[in-house]
Amino acid sequence: MFVKVALPGIDAEGNWSAMPGELKKFWMELQSMKAGNNFGTSAILSGTELGLGISLRMLERGLIIMDWSFQPRPPDGPKISGVCGLDQTFLDDLMDGVQSLLDFHNSTS
C-alpha cells in the first residue's frame, strides 16, 4: 500500500506492506475498544515490515491517545512520529478503512 503523510512543513511518502492477519488483529482490537469503552484498552498496528506504526490507547471517559510513526523504506531517511488525542467517533472511520484494505485483499486473492 502507498502511504503519504502530509503535515505543515513535512511531506513524506512510501510503500508499506501489511499482512492480512496483522490488519485483522488491529481491526479486532479497534472493535474491542469501541465496544468496551474501558480505560487501558489498546489497539496496535505494527507490522513485521518497517514503515507505519499506530498505537491507540483509551484513557478515562473514552479519550483516545494515538501514537504514530512513519519511516519510508528502505529506512535510510528520517522517521516521522507524533501523538494526538481523539474521541471515539474516530474509531468507526478507522475501522472502515482497515476493513476496506481487508476487502481489497480478499477480492484479489
PDB file of N, CA and C in Angstrom:
ATOM      1  N   MET A   1       0.849  -1.155   0.000  1.00  0.00           N
ATOM      2  CA  MET A   1       0.000   0.000   0.000  1.00  0.00           C
ATOM      3  C   MET A   1       0.898   1.221   0.000  1.00  0.00           C
ATOM      4  N   PHE A   2       0.409   2.280  -0.620  1.00  0.00           N
ATOM      5  CA  PHE A   2       1.140   3.533  -0.696  1.00  0.00           C
ATOM      6  C   PHE A   2       0.675   4.422   0.451  1.00  0.00           C
ATOM      7  N   VAL A   3       1.610   4.911   1.262  1.00  0.00           N
ATOM      8  CA  VAL A   3       1.291   5.747   2.416  1.00  0.00           C
ATOM      9  C   VAL A   3       1.874   7.133   2.184  1.00  0.00           C
ATOM     10  N   LYS A   4       1.065   8.139   2.440  1.00  0.00           N
ATOM     11  CA  LYS A   4       1.525   9.529   2.328  1.00  0.00           C
ATOM     12  C   LYS A   4       1.181  10.235   3.621  1.00  0.00           C
ATOM     13  N   VAL A   5       2.175  10.907   4.208  1.00  0.00           N
ATOM     14  CA  VAL A   5       1.985  11.692   5.421  1.00  0.00           C
ATOM     15  C   VAL A   5       2.255  13.147   5.059  1.00  0.00           C
ATOM     16  N   ALA A   6       1.264  13.998   5.270  1.00  0.00           N
ATOM     17  CA  ALA A   6       1.414  15.423   4.970  1.00  0.00           C
ATOM     18  C   ALA A   6       1.082  16.219   6.221  1.00  0.00           C
ATOM     19  N   LEU A   7       2.063  16.947   6.710  1.00  0.00           N
ATOM     20  CA  LEU A   7       1.922  17.803   7.876  1.00  0.00           C
ATOM     21  C   LEU A   7       2.498  19.160   7.506  1.00  0.00           C
ATOM     22  N   PRO A   8       2.169  20.208   8.229  1.00  0.00           N
ATOM     23  CA  PRO A   8       2.768  21.506   7.914  1.00  0.00           C
ATOM     24  C   PRO A   8       4.298  21.416   7.896  1.00  0.00           C
ATOM     25  N   GLY A   9       4.880  21.690   6.737  1.00  0.00           N
ATOM     26  CA  GLY A   9       6.326  21.654   6.603  1.00  0.00           C
ATOM     27  C   GLY A   9       6.922  20.279   6.366  1.00  0.00           C
ATOM     28  N   ILE A  10       6.096  19.225   6.353  1.00  0.00           N
ATOM     29  CA  ILE A  10       6.593  17.858   6.174  1.00  0.00           C
ATOM     30  C   ILE A  10       5.723  17.163   5.140  1.00  0.00           C
ATOM     31  N   ASP A  11       6.361  16.494   4.199  1.00  0.00           N
ATOM     32  CA  ASP A  11       5.651  15.726   3.190  1.00  0.00           C
ATOM     33  C   ASP A  11       6.452  14.451   2.955  1.00  0.00           C
ATOM     34  N   ALA A  12       5.916  13.307   3.352  1.00  0.00           N
ATOM     35  CA  ALA A  12       6.631  12.037   3.230  1.00  0.00           C
ATOM     36  C   ALA A  12       5.725  11.011   2.591  1.00  0.00           C
ATOM     37  N   GLU A  13       6.322  10.104   1.838  1.00  0.00           N
ATOM     38  CA  GLU A  13       5.543   9.044   1.208  1.00  0.00           C
ATOM     39  C   GLU A  13       6.410   7.814   1.032  1.00  0.00           C
ATOM     40  N   GLY A  14       5.746   6.690   0.913  1.00  0.00           N
ATOM     41  CA  GLY A  14       6.471   5.443   0.724  1.00  0.00           C
ATOM     42  C   GLY A  14       5.516   4.266   0.652  1.00  0.00           C
ATOM     43  N   ASN A  15       6.049   3.133   0.247  1.00  0.00           N
ATOM     44  CA  ASN A  15       5.269   1.904   0.192  1.00  0.00           C
ATOM     45  C   ASN A  15       5.403   1.166   1.514  1.00  0.00           C
ATOM     46  N   TRP A  16       4.317   0.516   1.898  1.00  0.00           N
ATOM     47  CA  TRP A  16       4.313  -0.237   3.146  1.00  0.00           C
ATOM     48  C   TRP A  16       3.477  -1.486   2.939  1.00  0.00           C
ATOM     49  N   SER A  17       3.958  -2.577   3.437  1.00  0.00           N
ATOM     50  CA  SER A  17       3.240  -3.844   3.319  1.00  0.00           C
ATOM     51  C   SER A  17       2.767  -4.298   4.684  1.00  0.00           C
ATOM     52  N   ALA A  18       1.539  -4.782   4.710  1.00  0.00           N
ATOM     53  CA  ALA A  18       0.991  -5.349   5.944  1.00  0.00           C
ATOM     54  C   ALA A  18       0.346  -6.677   5.595  1.00  0.00           C
ATOM     55  N   MET A  19       0.480  -7.625   6.467  1.00  0.00           N
ATOM     56  CA  MET A  19      -0.142  -8.923   6.272  1.00  0.00           C
ATOM     57  C   MET A  19      -1.617  -8.817   6.671  1.00  0.00           C
ATOM     58  N   PRO A  20      -2.489  -9.540   5.976  1.00  0.00           N
ATOM     59  CA  PRO A  20      -3.911  -9.502   6.328  1.00  0.00           C
ATOM     60  C   PRO A  20      -4.172  -9.862   7.787  1.00  0.00           C
ATOM     61  N   GLY A  21      -3.397 -10.784   8.337  1.00  0.00           N
ATOM     62  CA  GLY A  21      -3.568 -11.159   9.737  1.00  0.00           C
ATOM     63  C   GLY A  21      -3.273 -10.008  10.685  1.00  0.00           C
ATOM     64  N   GLU A  22      -2.281  -9.187  10.337  1.00  0.00           N
ATOM     65  CA  GLU A  22      -1.949  -8.015  11.156  1.00  0.00           C
ATOM     66  C   GLU A  22      -3.083  -6.999  11.125  1.00  0.00           C
ATOM     67  N   LEU A  23      -3.653  -6.789   9.923  1.00  0.00           N
ATOM     68  CA  LEU A  23      -4.772  -5.851   9.794  1.00  0.00           C
ATOM     69  C   LEU A  23      -6.011  -6.365  10.517  1.00  0.00           C
ATOM     70  N   LYS A  24      -6.285  -7.658  10.406  1.00  0.00           N
ATOM     71  CA  LYS A  24      -7.459  -8.239  11.067  1.00  0.00           C
ATOM     72  C   LYS A  24      -7.329  -8.129  12.589  1.00  0.00           C
ATOM     73  N   LYS A  25      -6.130  -8.393  13.105  1.00  0.00           N
ATOM     74  CA  LYS A  25      -5.892  -8.274  14.552  1.00  0.00           C
ATOM     75  C   LYS A  25      -6.129  -6.831  15.000  1.00  0.00           C
ATOM     76  N   PHE A  26      -5.616  -5.864  14.236  1.00  0.00           N
ATOM     77  CA  PHE A  26      -5.803  -4.462  14.553  1.00  0.00           C
ATOM     78  C   PHE A  26      -7.289  -4.106  14.526  1.00  0.00           C
ATOM     79  N   TRP A  27      -8.026  -4.582  13.510  1.00  0.00           N
ATOM     80  CA  TRP A  27      -9.458  -4.317  13.410  1.00  0.00           C
ATOM     81  C   TRP A  27     -10.196  -4.871  14.637  1.00  0.00           C
ATOM     82  N   MET A  28      -9.830  -6.073  15.046  1.00  0.00           N
ATOM     83  CA  MET A  28     -10.489  -6.688  16.210  1.00  0.00           C
ATOM     84  C   MET A  28     -10.178  -5.907  17.487  1.00  0.00           C
ATOM     85  N   GLU A  29      -8.955  -5.414  17.633  1.00  0.00           N
ATOM     86  CA  GLU A  29      -8.609  -4.601  18.800  1.00  0.00           C
ATOM     87  C   GLU A  29      -9.378  -3.281  18.791  1.00  0.00           C
ATOM     88  N   LEU A  30      -9.553  -2.684  17.598  1.00  0.00           N
ATOM     89  CA  LEU A  30     -10.363  -1.470  17.487  1.00  0.00           C
ATOM     90  C   LEU A  30     -11.811  -1.748  17.882  1.00  0.00           C
ATOM     91  N   GLN A  31     -12.332  -2.887  17.440  1.00  0.00           N
ATOM     92  CA  GLN A  31     -13.699  -3.272  17.785  1.00  0.00           C
ATOM     93  C   GLN A  31     -13.848  -3.429  19.290  1.00  0.00           C
ATOM     94  N   SER A  32     -12.847  -4.010  19.920  1.00  0.00           N
ATOM     95  CA  SER A  32     -12.870  -4.178  21.371  1.00  0.00           C
ATOM     96  C   SER A  32     -12.852  -2.823  22.078  1.00  0.00           C
ATOM     97  N   MET A  33     -12.049  -1.885  21.562  1.00  0.00           N
ATOM     98  CA  MET A  33     -12.012  -0.540  22.145  1.00  0.00           C
ATOM     99  C   MET A  33     -13.382   0.115  22.039  1.00  0.00           C
ATOM    100  N   LYS A  34     -13.975  -0.002  20.872  1.00  0.00           N
ATOM    101  CA  LYS A  34     -15.264   0.639  20.618  1.00  0.00           C
ATOM    102  C   LYS A  34     -16.355   0.038  21.498  1.00  0.00           C
ATOM    103  N   ALA A  35     -16.364  -1.266  21.622  1.00  0.00           N
ATOM    104  CA  ALA A  35     -17.417  -1.950  22.376  1.00  0.00           C
ATOM    105  C   ALA A  35     -17.240  -1.809  23.877  1.00  0.00           C
ATOM    106  N   GLY A  36     -15.982  -1.840  24.322  1.00  0.00           N
ATOM    107  CA  GLY A  36     -15.737  -1.885  25.751  1.00  0.00           C
ATOM    108  C   GLY A  36     -15.717  -0.550  26.444  1.00  0.00           C
ATOM    109  N   ASN A  37     -15.179   0.469  25.775  1.00  0.00           N
ATOM    110  CA  ASN A  37     -15.041   1.791  26.386  1.00  0.00           C
ATOM    111  C   ASN A  37     -14.362   1.697  27.756  1.00  0.00           C
ATOM    112  N   ASN A  38     -13.358   0.840  27.840  1.00  0.00           N
ATOM    113  CA  ASN A  38     -12.662   0.605  29.106  1.00  0.00           C
ATOM    114  C   ASN A  38     -11.318   1.306  29.142  1.00  0.00           C
ATOM    115  N   PHE A  39     -11.022   1.931  30.261  1.00  0.00           N
ATOM    116  CA  PHE A  39      -9.731   2.550  30.493  1.00  0.00           C
ATOM    117  C   PHE A  39      -8.631   1.519  30.278  1.00  0.00           C
ATOM    118  N   GLY A  40      -7.615   1.878  29.506  1.00  0.00           N
ATOM    119  CA  GLY A  40      -6.480   0.993  29.292  1.00  0.00           C
ATOM    120  C   GLY A  40      -6.584   0.091  28.077  1.00  0.00           C
ATOM    121  N   THR A  41      -7.740   0.035  27.413  1.00  0.00           N
ATOM    122  CA  THR A  41      -7.876  -0.775  26.215  1.00  0.00           C
ATOM    123  C   THR A  41      -6.978  -0.193  25.138  1.00  0.00           C
ATOM    124  N   SER A  42      -6.377  -1.063  24.306  1.00  0.00           N
ATOM    125  CA  SER A  42      -5.476  -0.555  23.275  1.00  0.00           C
ATOM    126  C   SER A  42      -5.647  -1.320  21.973  1.00  0.00           C
ATOM    127  N   ALA A  43      -5.156  -0.692  20.907  1.00  0.00           N
ATOM    128  CA  ALA A  43      -5.109  -1.310  19.580  1.00  0.00           C
ATOM    129  C   ALA A  43      -3.777  -0.895  18.965  1.00  0.00           C
ATOM    130  N   ILE A  44      -3.029  -1.881  18.470  1.00  0.00           N
ATOM    131  CA  ILE A  44      -1.690  -1.605  17.953  1.00  0.00           C
ATOM    132  C   ILE A  44      -1.529  -2.233  16.576  1.00  0.00           C
ATOM    133  N   LEU A  45      -1.089  -1.417  15.634  1.00  0.00           N
ATOM    134  CA  LEU A  45      -0.744  -1.903  14.299  1.00  0.00           C
ATOM    135  C   LEU A  45       0.742  -1.648  14.100  1.00  0.00           C
ATOM    136  N   SER A  46       1.509  -2.709  14.133  1.00  0.00           N
ATOM    137  CA  SER A  46       2.952  -2.597  13.889  1.00  0.00           C
ATOM    138  C   SER A  46       3.355  -3.862  13.163  1.00  0.00           C
ATOM    139  N   GLY A  47       3.290  -3.793  11.858  1.00  0.00           N
ATOM    140  CA  GLY A  47       3.574  -4.961  11.043  1.00  0.00           C
ATOM    141  C   GLY A  47       5.023  -5.396  11.143  1.00  0.00           C
ATOM    142  N   THR A  48       5.299  -6.534  10.562  1.00  0.00           N
ATOM    143  CA  THR A  48       6.667  -7.039  10.548  1.00  0.00           C
ATOM    144  C   THR A  48       7.541  -6.181   9.644  1.00  0.00           C
ATOM    145  N   GLU A  49       6.927  -5.469   8.703  1.00  0.00           N
ATOM    146  CA  GLU A  49       7.653  -4.552   7.828  1.00  0.00           C
ATOM    147  C   GLU A  49       7.797  -3.200   8.516  1.00  0.00           C
ATOM    148  N   LEU A  50       8.929  -2.568   8.344  1.00  0.00           N
ATOM    149  CA  LEU A  50       9.099  -1.207   8.831  1.00  0.00           C
ATOM    150  C   LEU A  50       8.211  -0.277   8.020  1.00  0.00           C
ATOM    151  N   GLY A  51       7.939   0.861   8.520  1.00  0.00           N
ATOM    152  CA  GLY A  51       7.183   1.849   7.772  1.00  0.00           C
ATOM    153  C   GLY A  51       6.184   2.571   8.626  1.00  0.00           C
ATOM    154  N   LEU A  52       5.049   1.949   8.865  1.00  0.00           N
ATOM    155  CA  LEU A  52       3.958   2.599   9.565  1.00  0.00           C
ATOM    156  C   LEU A  52       3.691   1.897  10.888  1.00  0.00           C
ATOM    157  N   GLY A  53       3.521   2.670  11.936  1.00  0.00           N
ATOM    158  CA  GLY A  53       3.158   2.125  13.236  1.00  0.00           C
ATOM    159  C   GLY A  53       2.091   2.994  13.859  1.00  0.00           C
ATOM    160  N   ILE A  54       1.044   2.372  14.366  1.00  0.00           N
ATOM    161  CA  ILE A  54      -0.054   3.096  15.007  1.00  0.00           C
ATOM    162  C   ILE A  54      -0.386   2.401  16.314  1.00  0.00           C
ATOM    163  N   SER A  55      -0.490   3.184  17.376  1.00  0.00           N
ATOM    164  CA  SER A  55      -0.867   2.647  18.680  1.00  0.00           C
ATOM    165  C   SER A  55      -1.930   3.554  19.283  1.00  0.00           C
ATOM    166  N   LEU A  56      -3.075   2.986  19.606  1.00  0.00           N
ATOM    167  CA  LEU A  56      -4.147   3.732  20.249  1.00  0.00           C
ATOM    168  C   LEU A  56      -4.381   3.160  21.634  1.00  0.00           C
ATOM    169  N   ARG A  57      -4.584   4.025  22.608  1.00  0.00           N
ATOM    170  CA  ARG A  57      -4.928   3.557  23.948  1.00  0.00           C
ATOM    171  C   ARG A  57      -6.004   4.467  24.513  1.00  0.00           C
ATOM    172  N   MET A  58      -6.959   3.825  25.192  1.00  0.00           N
ATOM    173  CA  MET A  58      -8.088   4.559  25.733  1.00  0.00           C
ATOM    174  C   MET A  58      -7.800   5.012  27.151  1.00  0.00           C
ATOM    175  N   LEU A  59      -8.073   6.275  27.388  1.00  0.00           N
ATOM    176  CA  LEU A  59      -7.935   6.847  28.714  1.00  0.00           C
ATOM    177  C   LEU A  59      -9.315   6.945  29.364  1.00  0.00           C
ATOM    178  N   GLU A  60      -9.377   7.590  30.488  1.00  0.00           N
ATOM    179  CA  GLU A  60     -10.650   7.758  31.180  1.00  0.00           C
ATOM    180  C   GLU A  60     -11.630   8.551  30.327  1.00  0.00           C
ATOM    181  N   ARG A  61     -12.898   8.296  30.519  1.00  0.00           N
ATOM    182  CA  ARG A  61     -14.002   8.961  29.830  1.00  0.00           C
ATOM    183  C   ARG A  61     -13.948   8.822  28.318  1.00  0.00           C
ATOM    184  N   GLY A  62     -13.290   7.790  27.821  1.00  0.00           N
ATOM    185  CA  GLY A  62     -13.301   7.493  26.399  1.00  0.00           C
ATOM    186  C   GLY A  62     -12.340   8.280  25.531  1.00  0.00           C
ATOM    187  N   LEU A  63     -11.499   9.131  26.101  1.00  0.00           N
ATOM    188  CA  LEU A  63     -10.495   9.827  25.305  1.00  0.00           C
ATOM    189  C   LEU A  63      -9.478   8.811  24.796  1.00  0.00           C
ATOM    190  N   ILE A  64      -9.074   8.969  23.551  1.00  0.00           N
ATOM    191  CA  ILE A  64      -8.110   8.053  22.947  1.00  0.00           C
ATOM    192  C   ILE A  64      -6.852   8.832  22.598  1.00  0.00           C
ATOM    193  N   ILE A  65      -5.708   8.278  22.948  1.00  0.00           N
ATOM    194  CA  ILE A  65      -4.415   8.841  22.574  1.00  0.00           C
ATOM    195  C   ILE A  65      -3.833   7.950  21.482  1.00  0.00           C
ATOM    196  N   MET A  66      -3.433   8.578  20.372  1.00  0.00           N
ATOM    197  CA  MET A  66      -2.829   7.830  19.272  1.00  0.00           C
ATOM    198  C   MET A  66      -1.378   8.263  19.099  1.00  0.00           C
ATOM    199  N   ASP A  67      -0.476   7.299  19.181  1.00  0.00           N
ATOM    200  CA  ASP A  67       0.930   7.490  18.844  1.00  0.00           C
ATOM    201  C   ASP A  67       1.129   6.884  17.454  1.00  0.00           C
ATOM    202  N   TRP A  68       1.814   7.574  16.595  1.00  0.00           N
ATOM    203  CA  TRP A  68       2.048   7.044  15.257  1.00  0.00           C
ATOM    204  C   TRP A  68       3.473   7.357  14.822  1.00  0.00           C
ATOM    205  N   SER A  69       3.970   6.545  13.909  1.00  0.00           N
ATOM    206  CA  SER A  69       5.277   6.803  13.320  1.00  0.00           C
ATOM    207  C   SER A  69       5.273   6.320  11.878  1.00  0.00           C
ATOM    208  N   PHE A  70       6.089   6.956  11.075  1.00  0.00           N
ATOM    209  CA  PHE A  70       6.203   6.601   9.670  1.00  0.00           C
ATOM    210  C   PHE A  70       7.651   6.783   9.244  1.00  0.00           C
ATOM    211  N   GLN A  71       8.192   5.751   8.599  1.00  0.00           N
ATOM    212  CA  GLN A  71       9.546   5.822   8.067  1.00  0.00           C
ATOM    213  C   GLN A  71       9.544   5.111   6.720  1.00  0.00           C
ATOM    214  N   PRO A  72       9.786   5.875   5.636  1.00  0.00           N
ATOM    215  CA  PRO A  72       9.806   5.240   4.320  1.00  0.00           C
ATOM    216  C   PRO A  72      10.854   4.142   4.248  1.00  0.00           C
ATOM    217  N   ARG A  73      10.615   3.176   3.356  1.00  0.00           N
ATOM    218  CA  ARG A  73      11.576   2.100   3.132  1.00  0.00           C
ATOM    219  C   ARG A  73      12.392   2.423   1.906  1.00  0.00           C
ATOM    220  N   PRO A  74      13.642   2.042   1.846  1.00  0.00           N
ATOM    221  CA  PRO A  74      14.399   1.481   2.963  1.00  0.00           C
ATOM    222  C   PRO A  74      14.583   2.540   4.050  1.00  0.00           C
ATOM    223  N   PRO A  75      14.796   2.101   5.274  1.00  0.00           N
ATOM    224  CA  PRO A  75      14.844   3.054   6.392  1.00  0.00           C
ATOM    225  C   PRO A  75      16.142   3.859   6.434  1.00  0.00           C
ATOM    226  N   ASP A  76      16.392   4.601   5.368  1.00  0.00           N
ATOM    227  CA  ASP A  76      17.613   5.391   5.330  1.00  0.00           C
ATOM    228  C   ASP A  76      17.318   6.887   5.436  1.00  0.00           C
ATOM    229  N   GLY A  77      16.065   7.221   5.655  1.00  0.00           N
ATOM    230  CA  GLY A  77      15.679   8.615   5.792  1.00  0.00           C
ATOM    231  C   GLY A  77      15.136   8.888   7.176  1.00  0.00           C
ATOM    232  N   PRO A  78      14.554  10.056   7.339  1.00  0.00           N
ATOM    233  CA  PRO A  78      14.037  10.419   8.658  1.00  0.00           C
ATOM    234  C   PRO A  78      12.798   9.610   9.046  1.00  0.00           C
ATOM    235  N   LYS A  79      12.607   9.477  10.318  1.00  0.00           N
ATOM    236  CA  LYS A  79      11.420   8.848  10.875  1.00  0.00           C
ATOM    237  C   LYS A  79      10.543   9.964  11.427  1.00  0.00           C
ATOM    238  N   ILE A  80       9.280   9.969  11.033  1.00  0.00           N
ATOM    239  CA  ILE A  80       8.331  10.975  11.478  1.00  0.00           C
ATOM    240  C   ILE A  80       7.426  10.324  12.509  1.00  0.00           C
ATOM    241  N   SER A  81       7.203  11.001  13.625  1.00  0.00           N
ATOM    242  CA  SER A  81       6.300  10.428  14.633  1.00  0.00           C
ATOM    243  C   SER A  81       5.487  11.544  15.265  1.00  0.00           C
ATOM    244  N   GLY A  82       4.385  11.161  15.871  1.00  0.00           N
ATOM    245  CA  GLY A  82       3.542  12.149  16.511  1.00  0.00           C
ATOM    246  C   GLY A  82       2.581  11.512  17.498  1.00  0.00           C
ATOM    247  N   VAL A  83       1.916  12.362  18.246  1.00  0.00           N
ATOM    248  CA  VAL A  83       0.917  11.950  19.227  1.00  0.00           C
ATOM    249  C   VAL A  83      -0.258  12.899  19.074  1.00  0.00           C
ATOM    250  N   CYS A  84      -1.473  12.349  19.137  1.00  0.00           N
ATOM    251  CA  CYS A  84      -2.655  13.205  19.083  1.00  0.00           C
ATOM    252  C   CYS A  84      -3.764  12.585  19.930  1.00  0.00           C
ATOM    253  N   GLY A  85      -4.692  13.408  20.322  1.00  0.00           N
ATOM    254  CA  GLY A  85      -5.857  12.956  21.064  1.00  0.00           C
ATOM    255  C   GLY A  85      -7.046  12.830  20.132  1.00  0.00           C
ATOM    256  N   LEU A  86      -7.856  11.820  20.355  1.00  0.00           N
ATOM    257  CA  LEU A  86      -9.029  11.550  19.525  1.00  0.00           C
ATOM    258  C   LEU A  86     -10.220  11.253  20.422  1.00  0.00           C
ATOM    259  N   ASP A  87     -11.409  11.354  19.840  1.00  0.00           N
ATOM    260  CA  ASP A  87     -12.559  10.837  20.564  1.00  0.00           C
ATOM    261  C   ASP A  87     -13.024   9.560  19.869  1.00  0.00           C
ATOM    262  N   GLN A  88     -13.994   8.898  20.443  1.00  0.00           N
ATOM    263  CA  GLN A  88     -14.410   7.592  19.939  1.00  0.00           C
ATOM    264  C   GLN A  88     -15.045   7.640  18.557  1.00  0.00           C
ATOM    265  N   THR A  89     -15.513   8.808  18.113  1.00  0.00           N
ATOM    266  CA  THR A  89     -16.127   8.885  16.792  1.00  0.00           C
ATOM    267  C   THR A  89     -15.111   8.575  15.689  1.00  0.00           C
ATOM    268  N   PHE A  90     -13.824   8.715  15.971  1.00  0.00           N
ATOM    269  CA  PHE A  90     -12.770   8.410  15.010  1.00  0.00           C
ATOM    270  C   PHE A  90     -12.684   6.912  14.721  1.00  0.00           C
ATOM    271  N   LEU A  91     -13.076   6.080  15.675  1.00  0.00           N
ATOM    272  CA  LEU A  91     -12.911   4.632  15.537  1.00  0.00           C
ATOM    273  C   LEU A  91     -13.678   4.063  14.353  1.00  0.00           C
ATOM    274  N   ASP A  92     -14.907   4.536  14.116  1.00  0.00           N
ATOM    275  CA  ASP A  92     -15.707   3.994  13.014  1.00  0.00           C
ATOM    276  C   ASP A  92     -15.011   4.179  11.671  1.00  0.00           C
ATOM    277  N   ASP A  93     -14.512   5.386  11.393  1.00  0.00           N
ATOM    278  CA  ASP A  93     -13.829   5.632  10.123  1.00  0.00           C
ATOM    279  C   ASP A  93     -12.544   4.825  10.012  1.00  0.00           C
ATOM    280  N   LEU A  94     -11.804   4.711  11.098  1.00  0.00           N
ATOM    281  CA  LEU A  94     -10.578   3.922  11.075  1.00  0.00           C
ATOM    282  C   LEU A  94     -10.894   2.454  10.813  1.00  0.00           C
ATOM    283  N   MET A  95     -11.911   1.931  11.471  1.00  0.00           N
ATOM    284  CA  MET A  95     -12.307   0.539  11.255  1.00  0.00           C
ATOM    285  C   MET A  95     -12.777   0.324   9.820  1.00  0.00           C
ATOM    286  N   ASP A  96     -13.518   1.289   9.264  1.00  0.00           N
ATOM    287  CA  ASP A  96     -13.960   1.184   7.873  1.00  0.00           C
ATOM    288  C   ASP A  96     -12.762   1.139   6.926  1.00  0.00           C
ATOM    289  N   GLY A  97     -11.754   1.964   7.191  1.00  0.00           N
ATOM    290  CA  GLY A  97     -10.559   1.973   6.358  1.00  0.00           C
ATOM    291  C   GLY A  97      -9.808   0.654   6.406  1.00  0.00           C
ATOM    292  N   VAL A  98      -9.644   0.106   7.595  1.00  0.00           N
ATOM    293  CA  VAL A  98      -8.969  -1.187   7.735  1.00  0.00           C
ATOM    294  C   VAL A  98      -9.782  -2.278   7.048  1.00  0.00           C
ATOM    295  N   GLN A  99     -11.106  -2.228   7.207  1.00  0.00           N
ATOM    296  CA  GLN A  99     -11.967  -3.223   6.550  1.00  0.00           C
ATOM    297  C   GLN A  99     -11.863  -3.128   5.034  1.00  0.00           C
ATOM    298  N   SER A 100     -11.751  -1.909   4.494  1.00  0.00           N
ATOM    299  CA  SER A 100     -11.583  -1.733   3.044  1.00  0.00           C
ATOM    300  C   SER A 100     -10.301  -2.399   2.551  1.00  0.00           C
ATOM    301  N   LEU A 101      -9.222  -2.274   3.328  1.00  0.00           N
ATOM    302  CA  LEU A 101      -7.973  -2.934   2.963  1.00  0.00           C
ATOM    303  C   LEU A 101      -8.132  -4.455   2.976  1.00  0.00           C
ATOM    304  N   LEU A 102      -8.826  -4.966   3.982  1.00  0.00           N
ATOM    305  CA  LEU A 102      -9.054  -6.413   4.058  1.00  0.00           C
ATOM    306  C   LEU A 102      -9.945  -6.883   2.922  1.00  0.00           C
ATOM    307  N   ASP A 103     -10.984  -6.126   2.587  1.00  0.00           N
ATOM    308  CA  ASP A 103     -11.871  -6.489   1.483  1.00  0.00           C
ATOM    309  C   ASP A 103     -11.114  -6.504   0.166  1.00  0.00           C
ATOM    310  N   PHE A 104     -10.245  -5.499  -0.033  1.00  0.00           N
ATOM    311  CA  PHE A 104      -9.445  -5.432  -1.252  1.00  0.00           C
ATOM    312  C   PHE A 104      -8.541  -6.655  -1.357  1.00  0.00           C
ATOM    313  N   HIS A 105      -7.910  -7.017  -0.255  1.00  0.00           N
ATOM    314  CA  HIS A 105      -7.039  -8.198  -0.254  1.00  0.00           C
ATOM    315  C   HIS A 105      -7.835  -9.447  -0.609  1.00  0.00           C
ATOM    316  N   ASN A 106      -9.011  -9.584   0.001  1.00  0.00           N
ATOM    317  CA  ASN A 106      -9.832 -10.776  -0.263  1.00  0.00           C
ATOM    318  C   ASN A 106     -10.301 -10.839  -1.714  1.00  0.00           C
ATOM    319  N   SER A 107     -10.563  -9.691  -2.330  1.00  0.00           N
ATOM    320  CA  SER A 107     -11.044  -9.674  -3.707  1.00  0.00           C
ATOM    321  C   SER A 107      -9.925  -9.960  -4.711  1.00  0.00           C
ATOM    322  N   THR A 108      -8.665  -9.762  -4.312  1.00  0.00           N
ATOM    323  CA  THR A 108      -7.552 -10.013  -5.219  1.00  0.00           C
ATOM    324  C   THR A 108      -6.888 -11.357  -4.963  1.00  0.00           C
ATOM    325  N   SER A 109      -7.338 -12.067  -3.940  1.00  0.00           N
ATOM    326  CA  SER A 109      -6.732 -13.376  -3.615  1.00  0.00           C
ATOM    327  C   SER A 109      -7.326 -14.475  -4.464  1.00  0.00           C
TER     328      SER A 109
END
